Amino acid sequence: GAIAIQFLTGINPHQMPKNPDTEEIIWQDKTSVSPEFANILDKMVKYDFRQRYSSAGETLQAIKELKNSFSGTVPVLPPVAAANKTVKSRKKLYLKILSIASLIGISIIASIYGVNTFNSANATDLYNRGNTLYNLSRFEEALAAYDRAINLRPEYAEVWQEKAKTLYKLKKYQESQAAYDQAIELKPEYLEAWTGRGYALDKLQQSQEAIASFDNALKIQPDYAAAWEGRGDSLLDSQRYEEAIASYEKAVQFQPNLYGAWYNRGQAYQKLKQYDRAVESYEKAVEIKFDNSEAWYNLGNVFLELNKNQEAFEAYEKAVRFQPNFYQGWYSKGIALLKMRRHEEAVEAYEKAVKLKPDYYQAWYNLGWSYHELRKYEQAIQCYSRALDLNPKESQAWYNRGNAQYNLQRYEDALVSYNEAVYVKPDYSEAWYSRGNALVAVKRYEDAIASYDKAIRYKPDYRAAIEAKKRAESQLGRSPLESEQQQ
């Protein structure tokens, strides 16, 4: 198809303009052919190779059908003889030309332009094929096409660049960097290659080298937003938050709707605990990508830090609306609801979180606490127990499970939970105090007094423990003076 278009126009198709929307070659204005013939040539050179004829046989059949259906519409070729040539003679000339192009096109190209030009054309076709596959996210196939192009034309810098991009997508960062290096060696002022190399180096945790690569790109084009954004990412990874912010601000100066720069600028401000500025950045990010759950989630986290619980709840609502399986979003939504004391809704949020991630300790614990606040102690105990199955060394869960059991007047069970709490955290004064209360409930006053003593040892001004100890001593008929002598 490309040979025929070049024969008709005298121009190499690779030098022709392309439709910016479809990437198809614009060539018909440079010659005069019948629409039927033009359609065949268009199909032979489709940008998406899957839309082309699948074989030479299929192409030949289309040509035969065109020949058989020939009517008054014929290719109009530049005049090569007298102006009174008949349609029949022009038809014969057209078929002769087309036969030559179809049957011995390769020989013609090789003899006129030489083997190197032929290889170059094939390499370009493979390059275009690789780009199509890349755009379809068929990265392994794209990589194979680029490798074949490089085998034909090793000095093809653009193919090395696209190969590097594909390797990056495949998370083969070391190989990606090597391919970018090759592109840069062939074309030292290759802006995109310097930028892509920086991203690959950042993934390899070579932040300083990445920043240097982005700086080289910016020497070539100081207003290149992608390089400023990548530079910001490397600085963010290096915990150089102020410098990262400065780079992101450059990026959005040159490309205002650059989502990644706004989002990461928010992260940098969040790390610096400058929450109001972080809110500004995240709000700009969700303005650009309204359905991005990560940005809504981080915006919610910042609102929580600012104690803006309703705004946090609304942000988390959007996060889980756009990504229903976002278990962290459901969990954090539950936190906002707990802070607003909307316990029934918090239960719903945490139940969604543990359904999505059954091994999420903190969600089980918070679900237990939500039930606890609703005085649904049996459900609370079940949730605390699930949390403790996942993390037996959490003293707070043991303590709260003990409190729920105490509220159900299951004092012996409560003692078991309090014992575990103080075993895990020996200086847990509240657990010693509650343990004393459970011992009083089963009339073990001596043990209760000893437990209160532990609470007071770890928290000397613990008024509730001091008063409870006095009441336990009165149950034994012990005077305050006797208690002091015993101590």
Protein backbone atom coordinates (compact mmCIF):
# COMPACT_ATOMS: atom_id res chain seq x y z
CA GLY A 1 0.00 0.00 0.00
CA ALA A 2 2.79 2.42 0.89
CA ILE A 3 4.61 1.59 -2.37
CA ALA A 4 1.51 2.29 -4.42
CA ILE A 5 0.87 5.62 -2.63
CA GLN A 6 4.49 6.64 -3.20
CA PHE A 7 4.24 5.68 -6.89
CA LEU A 8 1.06 7.73 -7.33
CA THR A 9 2.18 10.81 -5.39
CA GLY A 10 5.96 10.76 -5.68
CA ILE A 11 6.18 11.24 -1.90
CA ASN A 12 7.32 8.77 0.76
CA PRO A 13 4.22 8.08 2.94
CA HIS A 14 6.32 8.49 6.08
CA GLN A 15 6.86 12.12 5.09
CA MET A 16 3.16 12.84 4.59
CA PRO A 17 0.89 14.60 7.08
CA LYS A 18 -1.38 12.52 9.31
CA ASN A 19 -4.87 13.00 10.63
CA PRO A 20 -4.27 14.07 14.29
CA ASP A 21 -7.37 12.18 15.46
CA THR A 22 -6.81 8.87 13.65
CA GLU A 23 -3.09 8.89 12.73
CA GLU A 24 -4.07 7.90 9.17
CA ILE A 25 -1.95 9.17 6.23
CA ILE A 26 -3.43 12.11 4.29
CA TRP A 27 -2.51 11.42 0.66
CA GLN A 28 -5.53 11.58 -1.66
CA ASP A 29 -5.20 15.35 -2.18
CA LYS A 30 -1.81 14.76 -3.79
CA THR A 31 -3.07 12.61 -6.70
CA SER A 32 -6.31 11.67 -8.42
CA VAL A 33 -7.67 8.15 -8.10
CA SER A 34 -11.08 6.54 -7.94
CA PRO A 35 -12.68 6.30 -4.48
CA GLU A 36 -12.79 2.50 -4.77
CA PHE A 37 -9.08 2.25 -5.42
CA ALA A 38 -8.35 4.79 -2.69
CA ASN A 39 -10.33 2.68 -0.21
CA ILE A 40 -8.18 -0.36 -0.97
CA LEU A 41 -4.96 1.59 -0.48
CA ASP A 42 -6.29 3.17 2.73
CA LYS A 43 -7.07 -0.25 4.14
CA MET A 44 -3.59 -1.51 3.21
CA VAL A 45 -1.93 1.25 5.29
CA LYS A 46 -4.35 1.53 8.24
CA TYR A 47 -2.67 2.88 11.42
CA ASP A 48 -4.20 0.01 13.41
CA PHE A 49 -2.69 -2.97 11.60
CA ARG A 50 -5.57 -5.19 12.76
CA GLN A 51 -7.84 -3.26 10.37
CA ARG A 52 -5.62 -4.00 7.34
CA TYR A 53 -6.02 -6.93 4.97
CA SER A 54 -4.91 -10.04 6.79
CA SER A 55 -2.92 -11.46 3.87
CA ALA A 56 -1.66 -10.79 0.35
CA GLY A 57 -4.35 -13.17 -0.91
CA GLU A 58 -7.12 -11.08 0.67
CA THR A 59 -5.63 -7.93 -0.87
CA LEU A 60 -5.43 -9.55 -4.31
CA GLN A 61 -9.06 -10.62 -4.05
CA ALA A 62 -10.11 -7.03 -3.30
CA ILE A 63 -8.17 -5.88 -6.39
CA LYS A 64 -9.85 -8.55 -8.53
CA GLU A 65 -13.28 -7.49 -7.33
CA LEU A 66 -12.41 -3.89 -8.16
CA LYS A 67 -11.31 -5.00 -11.64
CA ASN A 68 -14.50 -7.01 -12.20
CA SER A 69 -16.78 -4.18 -11.07
CA PHE A 70 -14.99 -1.51 -13.10
CA SER A 71 -17.44 1.01 -14.53
CA GLY A 72 -17.14 4.63 -15.47
CA THR A 73 -15.18 5.47 -12.31
CA VAL A 74 -11.50 4.81 -12.95
CA PRO A 75 -8.17 5.95 -11.56
CA VAL A 76 -7.27 9.26 -13.15
CA LEU A 77 -3.52 9.24 -13.56
CA PRO A 78 -1.32 12.14 -14.65
CA PRO A 79 -1.33 12.29 -18.49
CA VAL A 80 1.50 10.27 -19.99
CA ALA A 81 0.52 10.51 -23.63
CA ALA A 82 -1.96 12.30 -25.83
CA ALA A 83 -4.93 13.87 -24.08
CA ASN A 84 -7.39 11.78 -26.09
CA LYS A 85 -6.39 8.47 -24.42
CA THR A 86 -9.47 6.36 -23.94
CA VAL A 87 -10.78 5.12 -20.63
CA LYS A 88 -9.91 1.61 -21.77
CA SER A 89 -6.24 2.43 -22.33
CA ARG A 90 -6.05 4.22 -18.97
CA LYS A 91 -7.61 1.17 -17.34
CA LYS A 92 -4.96 -1.05 -18.90
CA LEU A 93 -2.22 1.29 -17.71
CA TYR A 94 -3.66 1.35 -14.18
CA LEU A 95 -3.87 -2.45 -14.00
CA LYS A 96 -0.35 -2.78 -15.34
CA ILE A 97 0.97 -0.34 -12.72
CA LEU A 98 -0.95 -2.04 -9.94
CA SER A 99 0.25 -5.48 -11.00
CA ILE A 100 3.85 -4.32 -10.97
CA ALA A 101 3.42 -2.72 -7.54
CA SER A 102 1.67 -5.79 -6.17
CA LEU A 103 3.90 -8.51 -7.60
CA ILE A 104 7.39 -7.03 -7.64
CA GLY A 105 7.14 -4.04 -5.30
CA ILE A 106 9.92 -5.29 -3.07
CA SER A 107 12.25 -5.71 -6.02
CA ILE A 108 11.47 -2.20 -7.24
CA ILE A 109 12.16 -0.65 -3.82
CA ALA A 110 15.37 -2.63 -3.39
CA SER A 111 16.66 -1.72 -6.83
CA ILE A 112 15.77 1.99 -6.61
CA TYR A 113 16.50 2.82 -2.98
CA GLY A 114 18.75 0.02 -1.87
CA VAL A 115 18.46 -2.49 0.96
CA ASN A 116 18.95 0.10 3.74
CA THR A 117 15.89 2.11 2.66
CA PHE A 118 13.82 -1.08 2.52
CA ASN A 119 14.89 -2.04 6.04
CA SER A 120 14.13 1.48 7.20
CA ALA A 121 10.58 1.30 5.83
CA ASN A 122 10.02 -2.05 7.51
CA ALA A 123 11.45 -0.74 10.78
CA THR A 124 9.06 2.20 10.62
CA ASP A 125 6.13 -0.13 10.02
CA LEU A 126 7.17 -2.21 13.04
CA TYR A 127 7.57 1.00 15.04
CA ASN A 128 4.02 2.04 14.13
CA ARG A 129 2.74 -1.43 14.93
CA GLY A 130 4.46 -1.31 18.32
CA ASN A 131 2.85 2.06 19.04
CA THR A 132 -0.59 0.65 18.23
CA LEU A 133 -0.04 -2.31 20.53
CA TYR A 134 1.27 -0.01 23.25
CA ASN A 135 -1.86 2.14 23.01
CA LEU A 136 -3.90 -1.05 23.37
CA SER A 137 -1.91 -1.92 26.54
CA ARG A 138 -0.56 -5.05 24.85
CA PHE A 139 2.91 -4.31 26.14
CA GLU A 140 4.64 -7.65 25.57
CA GLU A 141 3.56 -7.66 21.92
CA ALA A 142 4.60 -4.02 21.53
CA LEU A 143 8.02 -4.86 22.95
CA ALA A 144 8.44 -7.67 20.42
CA ALA A 145 7.60 -5.28 17.58
CA TYR A 146 10.11 -2.68 18.82
CA ASP A 147 12.83 -5.34 19.15
CA ARG A 148 12.25 -6.45 15.55
CA ALA A 149 12.46 -2.81 14.42
CA ILE A 150 15.75 -2.37 16.28
CA ASN A 151 17.16 -5.53 14.69
CA LEU A 152 16.46 -3.99 11.28
CA ARG A 153 17.61 -0.49 12.20
CA PRO A 154 19.73 -0.32 15.39
CA GLU A 155 20.22 3.47 15.11
CA TYR A 156 16.46 4.21 15.29
CA ALA A 157 16.38 6.41 18.41
CA GLU A 158 12.58 6.74 18.50
CA VAL A 159 12.19 2.95 18.72
CA TRP A 160 14.61 2.80 21.65
CA GLN A 161 12.53 5.52 23.33
CA GLU A 162 9.25 3.60 22.84
CA LYS A 163 10.87 0.35 23.90
CA ALA A 164 12.00 2.05 27.11
CA LYS A 165 8.46 3.32 27.76
CA THR A 166 7.09 -0.19 27.26
CA LEU A 167 9.65 -1.73 29.60
CA TYR A 168 8.68 0.88 32.19
CA LYS A 169 5.03 -0.17 31.86
CA LEU A 170 6.15 -3.78 32.38
CA LYS A 171 7.97 -2.65 35.56
CA LYS A 172 11.33 -3.67 34.11
CA TYR A 173 12.95 -0.48 35.30
CA GLN A 174 16.61 -1.46 34.91
CA GLU A 175 16.05 -2.50 31.29
CA SER A 176 13.95 0.62 30.73
CA GLN A 177 16.81 2.84 31.90
CA ALA A 178 19.24 1.02 29.60
CA ALA A 179 16.93 1.56 26.61
CA TYR A 180 16.57 5.26 27.44
CA ASP A 181 20.38 5.48 27.65
CA GLN A 182 20.59 4.01 24.15
CA ALA A 183 18.07 6.53 22.80
CA ILE A 184 20.04 9.39 24.37
CA GLU A 185 23.32 8.08 22.98
CA LEU A 186 21.79 8.17 19.49
CA LYS A 187 20.04 11.50 20.04
CA PRO A 188 21.68 13.50 22.90
CA GLU A 189 19.01 16.24 22.95
CA TYR A 190 16.16 13.74 23.22
CA LEU A 191 13.83 15.50 25.67
CA GLU A 192 11.38 12.64 26.21
CA ALA A 193 14.19 10.12 26.71
CA TRP A 194 15.88 12.21 29.41
CA THR A 195 12.51 12.58 31.14
CA GLY A 196 11.58 8.91 30.88
CA ARG A 197 15.04 7.94 32.12
CA GLY A 198 14.41 10.07 35.20
CA TYR A 199 11.18 8.22 35.96
CA ALA A 200 12.92 4.83 35.56
CA LEU A 201 15.74 5.89 37.89
CA ASP A 202 13.20 7.10 40.45
CA LYS A 203 11.58 3.67 40.42
CA LEU A 204 15.03 2.18 40.99
CA GLN A 205 15.28 4.43 44.08
CA GLN A 206 18.17 6.34 42.55
CA SER A 207 16.68 9.72 43.36
CA GLN A 208 19.77 11.86 42.85
CA GLU A 209 20.47 10.36 39.42
CA ALA A 210 16.78 10.77 38.54
CA ILE A 211 16.83 14.47 39.49
CA ALA A 212 19.95 14.97 37.34
CA SER A 213 18.17 13.33 34.41
CA PHE A 214 15.13 15.59 34.81
CA ASP A 215 17.48 18.59 35.05
CA ASN A 216 19.03 17.60 31.71
CA ALA A 217 15.56 17.49 30.17
CA LEU A 218 14.81 20.95 31.55
CA LYS A 219 18.01 22.34 30.05
CA ILE A 220 16.66 21.27 26.67
CA GLN A 221 13.15 22.65 27.32
CA PRO A 222 12.72 24.67 30.52
CA ASP A 223 8.90 24.69 30.32
CA TYR A 224 8.51 20.91 30.00
CA ALA A 225 5.85 20.11 32.63
CA ALA A 226 6.43 16.33 32.64
CA ALA A 227 10.07 16.82 33.64
CA TRP A 228 9.12 19.25 36.43
CA GLU A 229 6.55 16.77 37.71
CA GLY A 230 9.02 13.88 37.63
CA ARG A 231 11.63 16.00 39.39
CA GLY A 232 9.05 16.74 42.08
CA ASP A 233 8.33 13.02 42.49
CA SER A 234 12.01 12.24 43.04
CA LEU A 235 12.32 15.05 45.59
CA LEU A 236 9.16 13.81 47.34
CA ASP A 237 10.64 10.31 47.55
CA SER A 238 13.79 11.87 49.04
CA GLN A 239 11.64 13.62 51.69
CA ARG A 240 12.76 17.00 50.35
CA TYR A 241 9.21 18.29 50.57
CA GLU A 242 9.77 22.02 50.12
CA GLU A 243 11.82 21.46 46.97
CA ALA A 244 9.25 18.97 45.68
CA ILE A 245 6.51 21.58 46.11
CA ALA A 246 8.58 24.12 44.15
CA SER A 247 8.94 21.63 41.27
CA TYR A 248 5.23 20.79 41.26
CA GLU A 249 4.39 24.47 41.16
CA LYS A 250 6.55 24.83 38.05
CA ALA A 251 4.79 21.84 36.50
CA VAL A 252 1.30 23.27 37.02
CA GLN A 253 2.49 26.71 35.91
CA PHE A 254 3.26 25.25 32.48
CA GLN A 255 0.44 22.69 32.43
CA PRO A 256 -2.34 23.78 34.83
CA ASN A 257 -4.44 20.61 34.56
CA LEU A 258 -1.63 18.21 35.45
CA TYR A 259 -3.41 15.93 37.91
CA GLY A 260 -0.34 14.10 39.22
CA ALA A 261 1.48 17.30 40.13
CA TRP A 262 -1.49 18.66 42.11
CA TYR A 263 -2.02 15.33 43.88
CA ASN A 264 1.63 14.91 44.86
CA ARG A 265 1.87 18.55 45.86
CA GLY A 266 -0.94 17.73 48.31
CA GLN A 267 1.06 14.80 49.64
CA ALA A 268 4.11 17.00 50.18
CA TYR A 269 2.07 19.59 52.09
CA GLN A 270 0.46 16.78 54.09
CA LYS A 271 3.90 15.50 55.09
CA LEU A 272 4.79 19.02 56.23
CA LYS A 273 1.52 19.11 58.25
CA GLN A 274 0.45 22.17 56.28
CA TYR A 275 -3.05 20.79 56.02
CA ASP A 276 -4.82 23.85 54.62
CA ARG A 277 -2.40 23.95 51.66
CA ALA A 278 -2.79 20.20 51.24
CA VAL A 279 -6.57 20.67 51.01
CA GLU A 280 -6.07 23.25 48.22
CA SER A 281 -3.93 20.81 46.24
CA TYR A 282 -6.20 17.81 46.64
CA GLU A 283 -9.27 19.88 45.79
CA LYS A 284 -7.57 20.96 42.56
CA ALA A 285 -6.69 17.32 41.85
CA VAL A 286 -10.30 16.14 42.21
CA GLU A 287 -11.45 19.08 40.12
CA ILE A 288 -9.30 17.68 37.30
CA LYS A 289 -10.15 14.01 37.97
CA PHE A 290 -13.43 14.02 39.82
CA ASP A 291 -13.66 10.24 39.95
CA ASN A 292 -10.21 9.61 41.44
CA SER A 293 -10.77 7.76 44.71
CA GLU A 294 -7.19 8.15 45.99
CA ALA A 295 -7.37 11.94 45.87
CA TRP A 296 -10.76 11.98 47.63
CA TYR A 297 -9.37 9.60 50.26
CA ASN A 298 -6.34 11.78 50.99
CA LEU A 299 -8.53 14.86 51.05
CA GLY A 300 -10.64 13.11 53.69
CA ASN A 301 -7.54 12.30 55.73
CA VAL A 302 -6.50 15.95 55.73
CA PHE A 303 -9.98 17.07 56.78
CA LEU A 304 -9.78 14.62 59.69
CA GLU A 305 -6.50 16.22 60.78
CA LEU A 306 -8.29 19.59 60.71
CA ASN A 307 -11.18 18.11 62.75
CA LYS A 308 -13.54 18.86 59.87
CA ASN A 309 -15.36 15.58 60.31
CA GLN A 310 -18.36 16.30 58.07
CA GLU A 311 -16.09 17.34 55.19
CA ALA A 312 -13.95 14.24 55.79
CA PHE A 313 -17.05 12.04 55.70
CA GLU A 314 -18.16 13.59 52.40
CA ALA A 315 -14.70 13.06 50.86
CA TYR A 316 -14.62 9.41 51.95
CA GLU A 317 -18.15 8.98 50.58
CA LYS A 318 -16.86 9.94 47.14
CA ALA A 319 -13.78 7.74 47.50
CA VAL A 320 -15.90 4.61 48.06
CA ARG A 321 -18.49 5.66 45.49
CA PHE A 322 -15.86 5.74 42.77
CA GLN A 323 -14.04 2.66 44.09
CA PRO A 324 -16.52 0.47 46.01
CA ASN A 325 -13.82 -2.08 46.95
CA PHE A 326 -11.60 0.55 48.57
CA TYR A 327 -11.49 -0.95 52.05
CA GLN A 328 -9.30 1.83 53.48
CA GLY A 329 -11.92 4.31 52.32
CA TRP A 330 -14.69 2.44 54.15
CA TYR A 331 -12.54 2.21 57.28
CA SER A 332 -11.74 5.93 57.29
CA LYS A 333 -15.36 6.79 56.58
CA GLY A 334 -16.14 4.85 59.75
CA ILE A 335 -13.66 6.98 61.72
CA ALA A 336 -15.34 10.19 60.57
CA LEU A 337 -18.74 8.77 61.54
CA LEU A 338 -17.45 7.68 64.95
CA LYS A 339 -16.12 11.17 65.58
CA MET A 340 -19.58 12.51 64.80
CA ARG A 341 -21.09 9.81 67.06
CA ARG A 342 -23.09 8.36 64.18
CA HIS A 343 -22.49 4.84 65.43
CA GLU A 344 -25.09 2.97 63.38
CA GLU A 345 -23.59 4.33 60.14
CA ALA A 346 -20.09 3.62 61.45
CA VAL A 347 -21.09 -0.02 61.94
CA GLU A 348 -22.18 -0.19 58.27
CA ALA A 349 -18.88 1.31 57.10
CA TYR A 350 -16.72 -1.03 59.19
CA GLU A 351 -18.75 -4.08 58.21
CA LYS A 352 -18.05 -3.18 54.58
CA ALA A 353 -14.34 -2.80 55.37
CA VAL A 354 -14.02 -6.22 57.06
CA LYS A 355 -16.04 -7.87 54.31
CA LEU A 356 -13.58 -6.55 51.75
CA LYS A 357 -10.53 -7.31 53.92
CA PRO A 358 -11.30 -9.98 56.53
CA ASP A 359 -7.81 -9.76 58.10
CA TYR A 360 -8.08 -6.01 58.81
CA TYR A 361 -7.42 -5.91 62.57
CA GLN A 362 -8.10 -2.21 63.09
CA ALA A 363 -11.44 -2.39 61.26
CA TRP A 364 -12.58 -5.31 63.44
CA TYR A 365 -11.53 -3.40 66.55
CA ASN A 366 -13.34 -0.23 65.47
CA LEU A 367 -16.40 -2.25 64.52
CA GLY A 368 -16.34 -3.68 68.03
CA TRP A 369 -16.07 -0.21 69.51
CA SER A 370 -19.00 1.02 67.38
CA TYR A 371 -21.18 -1.80 68.72
CA HIS A 372 -19.83 -1.07 72.21
CA GLU A 373 -20.99 2.54 71.97
CA LEU A 374 -24.43 1.27 70.88
CA ARG A 375 -24.42 -1.02 73.95
CA LYS A 376 -24.63 -4.05 71.71
CA TYR A 377 -22.11 -5.88 73.84
CA GLU A 378 -22.45 -9.38 72.40
CA GLN A 379 -21.65 -8.10 68.90
CA ALA A 380 -18.86 -5.99 70.36
CA ILE A 381 -17.31 -9.04 72.05
CA GLN A 382 -17.43 -11.02 68.79
CA CYS A 383 -15.65 -8.22 66.93
CA TYR A 384 -13.01 -7.74 69.63
CA SER A 385 -12.41 -11.50 69.57
CA ARG A 386 -11.90 -11.43 65.78
CA ALA A 387 -9.47 -8.56 66.21
CA LEU A 388 -7.56 -10.50 68.88
CA ASP A 389 -7.37 -13.57 66.66
CA LEU A 390 -5.49 -11.34 64.22
CA ASN A 391 -3.37 -9.53 66.83
CA PRO A 392 -3.28 -11.19 70.27
CA LYS A 393 -0.87 -8.61 71.66
CA GLU A 394 -3.25 -5.66 71.49
CA SER A 395 -3.90 -4.73 75.11
CA GLN A 396 -6.62 -2.22 74.20
CA ALA A 397 -8.73 -4.91 72.52
CA TRP A 398 -8.37 -7.22 75.56
CA TYR A 399 -9.35 -4.35 77.85
CA ASN A 400 -12.42 -3.36 75.83
CA ARG A 401 -13.51 -6.97 75.48
CA GLY A 402 -13.27 -7.23 79.27
CA ASN A 403 -15.41 -4.10 79.66
CA ALA A 404 -18.10 -5.49 77.33
CA GLN A 405 -18.13 -8.76 79.28
CA TYR A 406 -18.31 -6.83 82.58
CA ASN A 407 -21.32 -4.87 81.28
CA LEU A 408 -23.03 -8.22 80.58
CA GLN A 409 -22.17 -9.23 84.19
CA ARG A 410 -19.93 -12.04 82.89
CA TYR A 411 -17.32 -11.22 85.50
CA GLU A 412 -15.18 -14.35 85.25
CA ASP A 413 -14.90 -13.89 81.49
CA ALA A 414 -14.06 -10.23 82.06
CA LEU A 415 -11.27 -11.24 84.47
CA VAL A 416 -9.74 -13.45 81.78
CA SER A 417 -9.70 -10.48 79.34
CA TYR A 418 -8.29 -8.05 81.94
CA ASN A 419 -5.59 -10.58 82.88
CA GLU A 420 -4.53 -10.73 79.23
CA ALA A 421 -4.53 -6.94 79.00
CA VAL A 422 -2.16 -6.49 81.95
CA TYR A 423 -0.04 -9.42 80.80
CA VAL A 424 0.53 -7.70 77.46
CA LYS A 425 0.90 -4.24 79.07
CA PRO A 426 1.91 -4.54 82.75
CA ASP A 427 1.64 -0.78 83.42
CA TYR A 428 -1.91 -0.55 82.06
CA SER A 429 -3.46 1.26 85.05
CA GLU A 430 -7.02 1.32 83.63
CA ALA A 431 -6.95 -2.46 83.10
CA TRP A 432 -5.73 -3.03 86.69
CA TYR A 433 -8.54 -0.80 87.95
CA SER A 434 -11.23 -2.59 85.90
CA ARG A 435 -9.79 -5.94 86.96
CA GLY A 436 -10.25 -4.82 90.57
CA ASN A 437 -13.90 -3.98 89.85
CA ALA A 438 -14.51 -7.45 88.42
CA LEU A 439 -12.89 -9.05 91.49
CA VAL A 440 -15.13 -6.98 93.77
CA ALA A 441 -18.14 -8.20 91.77
CA VAL A 442 -17.21 -11.82 92.60
CA LYS A 443 -16.41 -10.79 96.22
CA ARG A 444 -12.65 -11.42 95.98
CA TYR A 445 -11.83 -8.31 97.96
CA GLU A 446 -8.21 -9.07 98.84
CA ASP A 447 -7.39 -9.69 95.18
CA ALA A 448 -9.35 -6.58 94.21
CA ILE A 449 -7.35 -4.44 96.67
CA ALA A 450 -4.10 -5.81 95.21
CA SER A 451 -5.32 -4.96 91.70
CA TYR A 452 -6.24 -1.41 92.76
CA ASP A 453 -2.80 -1.07 94.33
CA LYS A 454 -1.25 -1.89 90.93
CA ALA A 455 -3.40 0.75 89.26
CA ILE A 456 -2.34 3.36 91.84
CA ARG A 457 1.34 2.38 91.52
CA TYR A 458 1.31 3.11 87.78
CA LYS A 459 -0.94 6.17 88.15
CA PRO A 460 -0.53 7.66 91.66
CA ASP A 461 -3.28 10.28 91.21
CA TYR A 462 -5.85 7.72 89.99
CA ARG A 463 -8.80 8.95 92.10
CA ALA A 464 -11.26 6.27 90.93
CA ALA A 465 -8.82 3.47 91.91
CA ILE A 466 -8.11 5.07 95.30
CA GLU A 467 -11.83 5.35 96.10
CA ALA A 468 -12.54 1.83 94.86
CA LYS A 469 -9.75 0.45 97.04
CA LYS A 470 -11.28 2.15 100.11
CA ARG A 471 -14.65 0.59 99.35
CA ALA A 472 -13.08 -2.87 98.98
CA GLU A 473 -11.28 -2.44 102.29
CA SER A 474 -14.51 -1.47 104.00
CA GLN A 475 -16.01 -4.72 102.78
CA LEU A 476 -13.28 -6.52 104.72
CA GLY A 477 -13.90 -4.34 107.78
CA ARG A 478 -10.41 -2.88 107.47
CA SER A 479 -9.76 0.64 108.79
CA PRO A 480 -7.75 3.18 106.76
CA LEU A 481 -4.95 3.02 109.40
CA GLU A 482 -4.70 -0.76 108.99
CA SER A 483 -4.51 -0.33 105.23
CA GLU A 484 -1.62 2.11 105.54
CA GLN A 485 0.22 -0.27 107.89
CA GLN A 486 -0.24 -3.15 105.42
CA GLN A 487 1.12 -1.02 102.58
